[in-house]
Amino acid sequence: MKKGIHPENYRLVAFKDMSNDDIFITKSTVETKETITHEGVEYPVYKMEISRTSHPFYTGKSKLIDTAGRIDKFKNKYAKFSK
């Protein structure tokens, strides 16, 4: 292995899926500002919108995530063409 090209700051980080509040712990170099206590241990936390526990490909379930009313905006915008 070449010296000096790999990061030195590997540490345990909690990754939190915000859509279903699932938390998993793994080593990472991701920069975080917040911490979370999980099973009595404090970890830096990285918040995600989707992970393997909520993604339809892994769960086998279709899930519609409507952020900021995009579907309603689309329906209102193109409602005049449906006449």
PDB file of N, CA and C in Angstrom:
ATOM      1  N   MET A   1       0.829  -1.179   0.000  1.00  0.00           N
ATOM      2  CA  MET A   1       0.000   0.000   0.000  1.00  0.00           C
ATOM      3  C   MET A   1       0.876   1.246   0.000  1.00  0.00           C
ATOM      4  N   LYS A   2       0.448   2.258  -0.749  1.00  0.00           N
ATOM      5  CA  LYS A   2       1.185   3.517  -0.752  1.00  0.00           C
ATOM      6  C   LYS A   2       0.959   4.259   0.554  1.00  0.00           C
ATOM      7  N   LYS A   3       1.968   4.900   1.026  1.00  0.00           N
ATOM      8  CA  LYS A   3       1.874   5.667   2.266  1.00  0.00           C
ATOM      9  C   LYS A   3       1.413   7.086   1.952  1.00  0.00           C
ATOM     10  N   GLY A   4       0.618   7.655   2.867  1.00  0.00           N
ATOM     11  CA  GLY A   4       0.209   9.047   2.762  1.00  0.00           C
ATOM     12  C   GLY A   4      -0.989   9.332   1.876  1.00  0.00           C
ATOM     13  N   ILE A   5      -1.654   8.296   1.326  1.00  0.00           N
ATOM     14  CA  ILE A   5      -2.816   8.573   0.472  1.00  0.00           C
ATOM     15  C   ILE A   5      -4.135   8.165   1.125  1.00  0.00           C
ATOM     16  N   HIS A   6      -4.077   7.488   2.257  1.00  0.00           N
ATOM     17  CA  HIS A   6      -5.289   7.040   2.928  1.00  0.00           C
ATOM     18  C   HIS A   6      -5.588   7.946   4.114  1.00  0.00           C
ATOM     19  N   PRO A   7      -6.884   8.250   4.360  1.00  0.00           N
ATOM     20  CA  PRO A   7      -7.233   9.115   5.490  1.00  0.00           C
ATOM     21  C   PRO A   7      -6.875   8.470   6.830  1.00  0.00           C
ATOM     22  N   GLU A   8      -6.537   9.300   7.780  1.00  0.00           N
ATOM     23  CA  GLU A   8      -6.122   8.824   9.106  1.00  0.00           C
ATOM     24  C   GLU A   8      -7.244   8.891  10.138  1.00  0.00           C
ATOM     25  N   ASN A   9      -8.324   9.606   9.827  1.00  0.00           N
ATOM     26  CA  ASN A   9      -9.342   9.894  10.843  1.00  0.00           C
ATOM     27  C   ASN A   9     -10.546   8.947  10.789  1.00  0.00           C
ATOM     28  N   TYR A  10     -10.334   7.643  10.582  1.00  0.00           N
ATOM     29  CA  TYR A  10     -11.437   6.690  10.663  1.00  0.00           C
ATOM     30  C   TYR A  10     -11.906   6.600  12.102  1.00  0.00           C
ATOM     31  N   ARG A  11     -13.225   6.612  12.282  1.00  0.00           N
ATOM     32  CA  ARG A  11     -13.812   6.479  13.612  1.00  0.00           C
ATOM     33  C   ARG A  11     -15.209   5.894  13.461  1.00  0.00           C
ATOM     34  N   LEU A  12     -15.801   5.432  14.545  1.00  0.00           N
ATOM     35  CA  LEU A  12     -17.173   4.923  14.497  1.00  0.00           C
ATOM     36  C   LEU A  12     -18.136   6.093  14.379  1.00  0.00           C
ATOM     37  N   VAL A  13     -19.064   6.000  13.433  1.00  0.00           N
ATOM     38  CA  VAL A  13     -20.049   7.049  13.181  1.00  0.00           C
ATOM     39  C   VAL A  13     -21.426   6.395  13.111  1.00  0.00           C
ATOM     40  N   ALA A  14     -22.434   7.062  13.681  1.00  0.00           N
ATOM     41  CA  ALA A  14     -23.816   6.598  13.594  1.00  0.00           C
ATOM     42  C   ALA A  14     -24.462   7.249  12.374  1.00  0.00           C
ATOM     43  N   PHE A  15     -25.005   6.424  11.492  1.00  0.00           N
ATOM     44  CA  PHE A  15     -25.748   6.915  10.342  1.00  0.00           C
ATOM     45  C   PHE A  15     -27.229   6.749  10.657  1.00  0.00           C
ATOM     46  N   LYS A  16     -27.995   7.844  10.591  1.00  0.00           N
ATOM     47  CA  LYS A  16     -29.413   7.814  10.962  1.00  0.00           C
ATOM     48  C   LYS A  16     -30.276   8.083   9.737  1.00  0.00           C
ATOM     49  N   ASP A  17     -31.178   7.144   9.442  1.00  0.00           N
ATOM     50  CA  ASP A  17     -32.144   7.295   8.362  1.00  0.00           C
ATOM     51  C   ASP A  17     -33.307   8.118   8.909  1.00  0.00           C
ATOM     52  N   MET A  18     -33.503   9.315   8.378  1.00  0.00           N
ATOM     53  CA  MET A  18     -34.524  10.225   8.911  1.00  0.00           C
ATOM     54  C   MET A  18     -35.942   9.809   8.533  1.00  0.00           C
ATOM     55  N   SER A  19     -36.106   8.949   7.515  1.00  0.00           N
ATOM     56  CA  SER A  19     -37.458   8.553   7.115  1.00  0.00           C
ATOM     57  C   SER A  19     -38.048   7.478   8.029  1.00  0.00           C
ATOM     58  N   ASN A  20     -37.195   6.670   8.688  1.00  0.00           N
ATOM     59  CA  ASN A  20     -37.729   5.646   9.584  1.00  0.00           C
ATOM     60  C   ASN A  20     -36.956   5.541  10.907  1.00  0.00           C
ATOM     61  N   ASP A  21     -36.065   6.495  11.166  1.00  0.00           N
ATOM     62  CA  ASP A  21     -35.292   6.575  12.407  1.00  0.00           C
ATOM     63  C   ASP A  21     -34.411   5.356  12.688  1.00  0.00           C
ATOM     64  N   ASP A  22     -34.032   4.624  11.646  1.00  0.00           N
ATOM     65  CA  ASP A  22     -33.112   3.509  11.812  1.00  0.00           C
ATOM     66  C   ASP A  22     -31.695   4.051  11.965  1.00  0.00           C
ATOM     67  N   ILE A  23     -30.912   3.450  12.849  1.00  0.00           N
ATOM     68  CA  ILE A  23     -29.534   3.877  13.095  1.00  0.00           C
ATOM     69  C   ILE A  23     -28.616   2.679  12.916  1.00  0.00           C
ATOM     70  N   PHE A  24     -27.518   2.882  12.177  1.00  0.00           N
ATOM     71  CA  PHE A  24     -26.496   1.847  12.121  1.00  0.00           C
ATOM     72  C   PHE A  24     -25.133   2.488  12.302  1.00  0.00           C
ATOM     73  N   ILE A  25     -24.226   1.720  12.884  1.00  0.00           N
ATOM     74  CA  ILE A  25     -22.899   2.196  13.255  1.00  0.00           C
ATOM     75  C   ILE A  25     -21.869   1.563  12.316  1.00  0.00           C
ATOM     76  N   THR A  26     -20.968   2.378  11.792  1.00  0.00           N
ATOM     77  CA  THR A  26     -19.883   1.884  10.959  1.00  0.00           C
ATOM     78  C   THR A  26     -18.715   2.850  11.024  1.00  0.00           C
ATOM     79  N   LYS A  27     -17.553   2.405  10.583  1.00  0.00           N
ATOM     80  CA  LYS A  27     -16.392   3.295  10.552  1.00  0.00           C
ATOM     81  C   LYS A  27     -16.487   4.205   9.336  1.00  0.00           C
ATOM     82  N   SER A  28     -16.134   5.469   9.525  1.00  0.00           N
ATOM     83  CA  SER A  28     -16.215   6.434   8.442  1.00  0.00           C
ATOM     84  C   SER A  28     -15.304   7.621   8.722  1.00  0.00           C
ATOM     85  N   THR A  29     -15.064   8.405   7.687  1.00  0.00           N
ATOM     86  CA  THR A  29     -14.299   9.650   7.825  1.00  0.00           C
ATOM     87  C   THR A  29     -15.196  10.855   7.583  1.00  0.00           C
ATOM     88  N   VAL A  30     -16.508  10.649   7.490  1.00  0.00           N
ATOM     89  CA  VAL A  30     -17.447  11.727   7.196  1.00  0.00           C
ATOM     90  C   VAL A  30     -17.376  12.805   8.284  1.00  0.00           C
ATOM     91  N   GLU A  31     -17.455  14.068   7.853  1.00  0.00           N
ATOM     92  CA  GLU A  31     -17.437  15.191   8.789  1.00  0.00           C
ATOM     93  C   GLU A  31     -18.828  15.384   9.390  1.00  0.00           C
ATOM     94  N   THR A  32     -18.908  15.477  10.712  1.00  0.00           N
ATOM     95  CA  THR A  32     -20.184  15.672  11.400  1.00  0.00           C
ATOM     96  C   THR A  32     -20.037  16.749  12.465  1.00  0.00           C
ATOM     97  N   LYS A  33     -21.164  17.384  12.787  1.00  0.00           N
ATOM     98  CA  LYS A  33     -21.171  18.406  13.840  1.00  0.00           C
ATOM     99  C   LYS A  33     -22.026  17.993  15.022  1.00  0.00           C
ATOM    100  N   GLU A  34     -22.911  17.016  14.820  1.00  0.00           N
ATOM    101  CA  GLU A  34     -23.827  16.585  15.869  1.00  0.00           C
ATOM    102  C   GLU A  34     -23.405  15.230  16.414  1.00  0.00           C
ATOM    103  N   THR A  35     -23.893  14.921  17.615  1.00  0.00           N
ATOM    104  CA  THR A  35     -23.657  13.608  18.210  1.00  0.00           C
ATOM    105  C   THR A  35     -24.986  13.013  18.636  1.00  0.00           C
ATOM    106  N   ILE A  36     -24.990  11.689  18.819  1.00  0.00           N
ATOM    107  CA  ILE A  36     -26.187  10.983  19.255  1.00  0.00           C
ATOM    108  C   ILE A  36     -25.742   9.866  20.198  1.00  0.00           C
ATOM    109  N   THR A  37     -26.578   9.553  21.183  1.00  0.00           N
ATOM    110  CA  THR A  37     -26.299   8.447  22.090  1.00  0.00           C
ATOM    111  C   THR A  37     -27.098   7.243  21.617  1.00  0.00           C
ATOM    112  N   HIS A  38     -26.395   6.162  21.314  1.00  0.00           N
ATOM    113  CA  HIS A  38     -27.026   4.927  20.836  1.00  0.00           C
ATOM    114  C   HIS A  38     -26.507   3.773  21.682  1.00  0.00           C
ATOM    115  N   GLU A  39     -27.426   3.102  22.350  1.00  0.00           N
ATOM    116  CA  GLU A  39     -27.113   1.975  23.239  1.00  0.00           C
ATOM    117  C   GLU A  39     -26.086   2.370  24.295  1.00  0.00           C
ATOM    118  N   GLY A  40     -26.229   3.583  24.827  1.00  0.00           N
ATOM    119  CA  GLY A  40     -25.388   4.048  25.918  1.00  0.00           C
ATOM    120  C   GLY A  40     -24.037   4.611  25.515  1.00  0.00           C
ATOM    121  N   VAL A  41     -23.743   4.667  24.225  1.00  0.00           N
ATOM    122  CA  VAL A  41     -22.466   5.187  23.738  1.00  0.00           C
ATOM    123  C   VAL A  41     -22.740   6.393  22.848  1.00  0.00           C
ATOM    124  N   GLU A  42     -21.930   7.441  23.002  1.00  0.00           N
ATOM    125  CA  GLU A  42     -22.110   8.646  22.194  1.00  0.00           C
ATOM    126  C   GLU A  42     -21.267   8.548  20.920  1.00  0.00           C
ATOM    127  N   TYR A  43     -21.929   8.805  19.770  1.00  0.00           N
ATOM    128  CA  TYR A  43     -21.280   8.746  18.464  1.00  0.00           C
ATOM    129  C   TYR A  43     -21.539  10.039  17.701  1.00  0.00           C
ATOM    130  N   PRO A  44     -20.638  10.426  16.796  1.00  0.00           N
ATOM    131  CA  PRO A  44     -20.980  11.471  15.845  1.00  0.00           C
ATOM    132  C   PRO A  44     -22.076  10.925  14.933  1.00  0.00           C
ATOM    133  N   VAL A  45     -23.036  11.759  14.534  1.00  0.00           N
ATOM    134  CA  VAL A  45     -24.164  11.274  13.734  1.00  0.00           C
ATOM    135  C   VAL A  45     -24.183  11.959  12.372  1.00  0.00           C
ATOM    136  N   TYR A  46     -24.481  11.167  11.336  1.00  0.00           N
ATOM    137  CA  TYR A  46     -24.672  11.663   9.985  1.00  0.00           C
ATOM    138  C   TYR A  46     -26.096  11.323   9.587  1.00  0.00           C
ATOM    139  N   LYS A  47     -26.908  12.328   9.262  1.00  0.00           N
ATOM    140  CA  LYS A  47     -28.323  12.118   8.953  1.00  0.00           C
ATOM    141  C   LYS A  47     -28.513  11.950   7.448  1.00  0.00           C
ATOM    142  N   MET A  48     -29.274  10.900   7.088  1.00  0.00           N
ATOM    143  CA  MET A  48     -29.561  10.598   5.686  1.00  0.00           C
ATOM    144  C   MET A  48     -31.066  10.602   5.474  1.00  0.00           C
ATOM    145  N   GLU A  49     -31.497  10.882   4.244  1.00  0.00           N
ATOM    146  CA  GLU A  49     -32.923  10.843   3.942  1.00  0.00           C
ATOM    147  C   GLU A  49     -33.389   9.443   3.583  1.00  0.00           C
ATOM    148  N   ILE A  50     -32.490   8.620   3.060  1.00  0.00           N
ATOM    149  CA  ILE A  50     -32.868   7.275   2.647  1.00  0.00           C
ATOM    150  C   ILE A  50     -31.670   6.350   2.822  1.00  0.00           C
ATOM    151  N   SER A  51     -31.933   5.122   3.228  1.00  0.00           N
ATOM    152  CA  SER A  51     -30.858   4.135   3.408  1.00  0.00           C
ATOM    153  C   SER A  51     -31.372   2.764   2.971  1.00  0.00           C
ATOM    154  N   ARG A  52     -30.614   1.729   3.258  1.00  0.00           N
ATOM    155  CA  ARG A  52     -31.008   0.385   2.853  1.00  0.00           C
ATOM    156  C   ARG A  52     -32.279  -0.082   3.566  1.00  0.00           C
ATOM    157  N   THR A  53     -32.608   0.499   4.706  1.00  0.00           N
ATOM    158  CA  THR A  53     -33.810   0.082   5.435  1.00  0.00           C
ATOM    159  C   THR A  53     -35.070   0.779   4.954  1.00  0.00           C
ATOM    160  N   SER A  54     -34.934   1.803   4.100  1.00  0.00           N
ATOM    161  CA  SER A  54     -36.124   2.494   3.610  1.00  0.00           C
ATOM    162  C   SER A  54     -36.186   2.590   2.093  1.00  0.00           C
ATOM    163  N   HIS A  55     -35.131   2.200   1.383  1.00  0.00           N
ATOM    164  CA  HIS A  55     -35.121   2.298  -0.073  1.00  0.00           C
ATOM    165  C   HIS A  55     -35.989   1.186  -0.675  1.00  0.00           C
ATOM    166  N   PRO A  56     -36.875   1.525  -1.626  1.00  0.00           N
ATOM    167  CA  PRO A  56     -37.773   0.521  -2.202  1.00  0.00           C
ATOM    168  C   PRO A  56     -37.056  -0.669  -2.843  1.00  0.00           C
ATOM    169  N   PHE A  57     -35.883  -0.480  -3.385  1.00  0.00           N
ATOM    170  CA  PHE A  57     -35.151  -1.589  -3.997  1.00  0.00           C
ATOM    171  C   PHE A  57     -34.825  -2.669  -2.968  1.00  0.00           C
ATOM    172  N   TYR A  58     -34.439  -2.261  -1.770  1.00  0.00           N
ATOM    173  CA  TYR A  58     -34.060  -3.223  -0.737  1.00  0.00           C
ATOM    174  C   TYR A  58     -35.250  -3.736   0.059  1.00  0.00           C
ATOM    175  N   THR A  59     -36.283  -2.908   0.223  1.00  0.00           N
ATOM    176  CA  THR A  59     -37.432  -3.316   1.033  1.00  0.00           C
ATOM    177  C   THR A  59     -38.470  -4.066   0.219  1.00  0.00           C
ATOM    178  N   GLY A  60     -38.495  -3.864  -1.102  1.00  0.00           N
ATOM    179  CA  GLY A  60     -39.497  -4.501  -1.945  1.00  0.00           C
ATOM    180  C   GLY A  60     -40.835  -3.810  -1.901  1.00  0.00           C
ATOM    181  N   LYS A  61     -40.913  -2.668  -1.261  1.00  0.00           N
ATOM    182  CA  LYS A  61     -42.157  -1.914  -1.153  1.00  0.00           C
ATOM    183  C   LYS A  61     -42.019  -0.600  -1.908  1.00  0.00           C
ATOM    184  N   SER A  62     -43.063  -0.233  -2.619  1.00  0.00           N
ATOM    185  CA  SER A  62     -43.063   1.080  -3.262  1.00  0.00           C
ATOM    186  C   SER A  62     -43.500   2.105  -2.238  1.00  0.00           C
ATOM    187  N   LYS A  63     -42.782   3.186  -2.163  1.00  0.00           N
ATOM    188  CA  LYS A  63     -43.080   4.220  -1.185  1.00  0.00           C
ATOM    189  C   LYS A  63     -42.994   5.559  -1.892  1.00  0.00           C
ATOM    190  N   LEU A  64     -44.054   6.335  -1.823  1.00  0.00           N
ATOM    191  CA  LEU A  64     -44.100   7.636  -2.468  1.00  0.00           C
ATOM    192  C   LEU A  64     -43.669   8.690  -1.464  1.00  0.00           C
ATOM    193  N   ILE A  65     -42.589   9.374  -1.778  1.00  0.00           N
ATOM    194  CA  ILE A  65     -42.103  10.443  -0.915  1.00  0.00           C
ATOM    195  C   ILE A  65     -42.376  11.751  -1.628  1.00  0.00           C
ATOM    196  N   ASP A  66     -43.311  12.521  -1.100  1.00  0.00           N
ATOM    197  CA  ASP A  66     -43.687  13.800  -1.696  1.00  0.00           C
ATOM    198  C   ASP A  66     -43.039  14.909  -0.891  1.00  0.00           C
ATOM    199  N   THR A  67     -41.951  15.457  -1.410  1.00  0.00           N
ATOM    200  CA  THR A  67     -41.278  16.548  -0.720  1.00  0.00           C
ATOM    201  C   THR A  67     -41.722  17.863  -1.317  1.00  0.00           C
ATOM    202  N   ALA A  68     -42.148  18.755  -0.467  1.00  0.00           N
ATOM    203  CA  ALA A  68     -42.553  20.115  -0.832  1.00  0.00           C
ATOM    204  C   ALA A  68     -43.754  20.129  -1.774  1.00  0.00           C
ATOM    205  N   GLY A  69     -44.609  19.105  -1.725  1.00  0.00           N
ATOM    206  CA  GLY A  69     -45.838  19.116  -2.513  1.00  0.00           C
ATOM    207  C   GLY A  69     -45.616  19.072  -4.008  1.00  0.00           C
ATOM    208  N   ARG A  70     -44.588  18.401  -4.472  1.00  0.00           N
ATOM    209  CA  ARG A  70     -44.264  18.367  -5.904  1.00  0.00           C
ATOM    210  C   ARG A  70     -45.377  17.740  -6.729  1.00  0.00           C
ATOM    211  N   ILE A  71     -46.015  16.714  -6.204  1.00  0.00           N
ATOM    212  CA  ILE A  71     -47.087  16.059  -6.955  1.00  0.00           C
ATOM    213  C   ILE A  71     -48.269  17.001  -7.093  1.00  0.00           C
ATOM    214  N   ASP A  72     -48.624  17.703  -6.011  1.00  0.00           N
ATOM    215  CA  ASP A  72     -49.726  18.662  -6.082  1.00  0.00           C
ATOM    216  C   ASP A  72     -49.418  19.793  -7.047  1.00  0.00           C
ATOM    217  N   LYS A  73     -48.199  20.285  -7.048  1.00  0.00           N
ATOM    218  CA  LYS A  73     -47.805  21.342  -7.982  1.00  0.00           C
ATOM    219  C   LYS A  73     -47.951  20.870  -9.424  1.00  0.00           C
ATOM    220  N   PHE A  74     -47.517  19.633  -9.680  1.00  0.00           N
ATOM    221  CA  PHE A  74     -47.609  19.080 -11.030  1.00  0.00           C
ATOM    222  C   PHE A  74     -49.067  18.961 -11.464  1.00  0.00           C
ATOM    223  N   LYS A  75     -49.912  18.410 -10.579  1.00  0.00           N
ATOM    224  CA  LYS A  75     -51.328  18.233 -10.920  1.00  0.00           C
ATOM    225  C   LYS A  75     -52.004  19.578 -11.173  1.00  0.00           C
ATOM    226  N   ASN A  76     -51.720  20.572 -10.352  1.00  0.00           N
ATOM    227  CA  ASN A  76     -52.326  21.887 -10.550  1.00  0.00           C
ATOM    228  C   ASN A  76     -51.838  22.538 -11.836  1.00  0.00           C
ATOM    229  N   LYS A  77     -50.576  22.363 -12.150  1.00  0.00           N
ATOM    230  CA  LYS A  77     -50.000  22.990 -13.348  1.00  0.00           C
ATOM    231  C   LYS A  77     -50.596  22.413 -14.628  1.00  0.00           C
ATOM    232  N   TYR A  78     -50.810  21.084 -14.658  1.00  0.00           N
ATOM    233  CA  TYR A  78     -51.291  20.438 -15.871  1.00  0.00           C
ATOM    234  C   TYR A  78     -52.774  20.079 -15.834  1.00  0.00           C
ATOM    235  N   ALA A  79     -53.509  20.565 -14.854  1.00  0.00           N
ATOM    236  CA  ALA A  79     -54.942  20.299 -14.763  1.00  0.00           C
ATOM    237  C   ALA A  79     -55.696  20.944 -15.912  1.00  0.00           C
ATOM    238  N   LYS A  80     -55.219  22.067 -16.408  1.00  0.00           N
ATOM    239  CA  LYS A  80     -55.909  22.765 -17.507  1.00  0.00           C
ATOM    240  C   LYS A  80     -55.851  21.978 -18.808  1.00  0.00           C
ATOM    241  N   PHE A  81     -54.888  21.095 -18.975  1.00  0.00           N
ATOM    242  CA  PHE A  81     -54.758  20.309 -20.206  1.00  0.00           C
ATOM    243  C   PHE A  81     -55.641  19.075 -20.209  1.00  0.00           C
ATOM    244  N   SER A  82     -56.191  18.690 -19.059  1.00  0.00           N
ATOM    245  CA  SER A  82     -56.994  17.469 -18.981  1.00  0.00           C
ATOM    246  C   SER A  82     -58.432  17.683 -19.444  1.00  0.00           C
ATOM    247  N   LYS A  83     -58.808  18.901 -19.788  1.00  0.00           N
ATOM    248  CA  LYS A  83     -60.212  19.191 -20.199  1.00  0.00           C
ATOM    249  C   LYS A  83     -60.483  18.795 -21.614  1.00  0.00           C
TER     250      LYS A  83
END
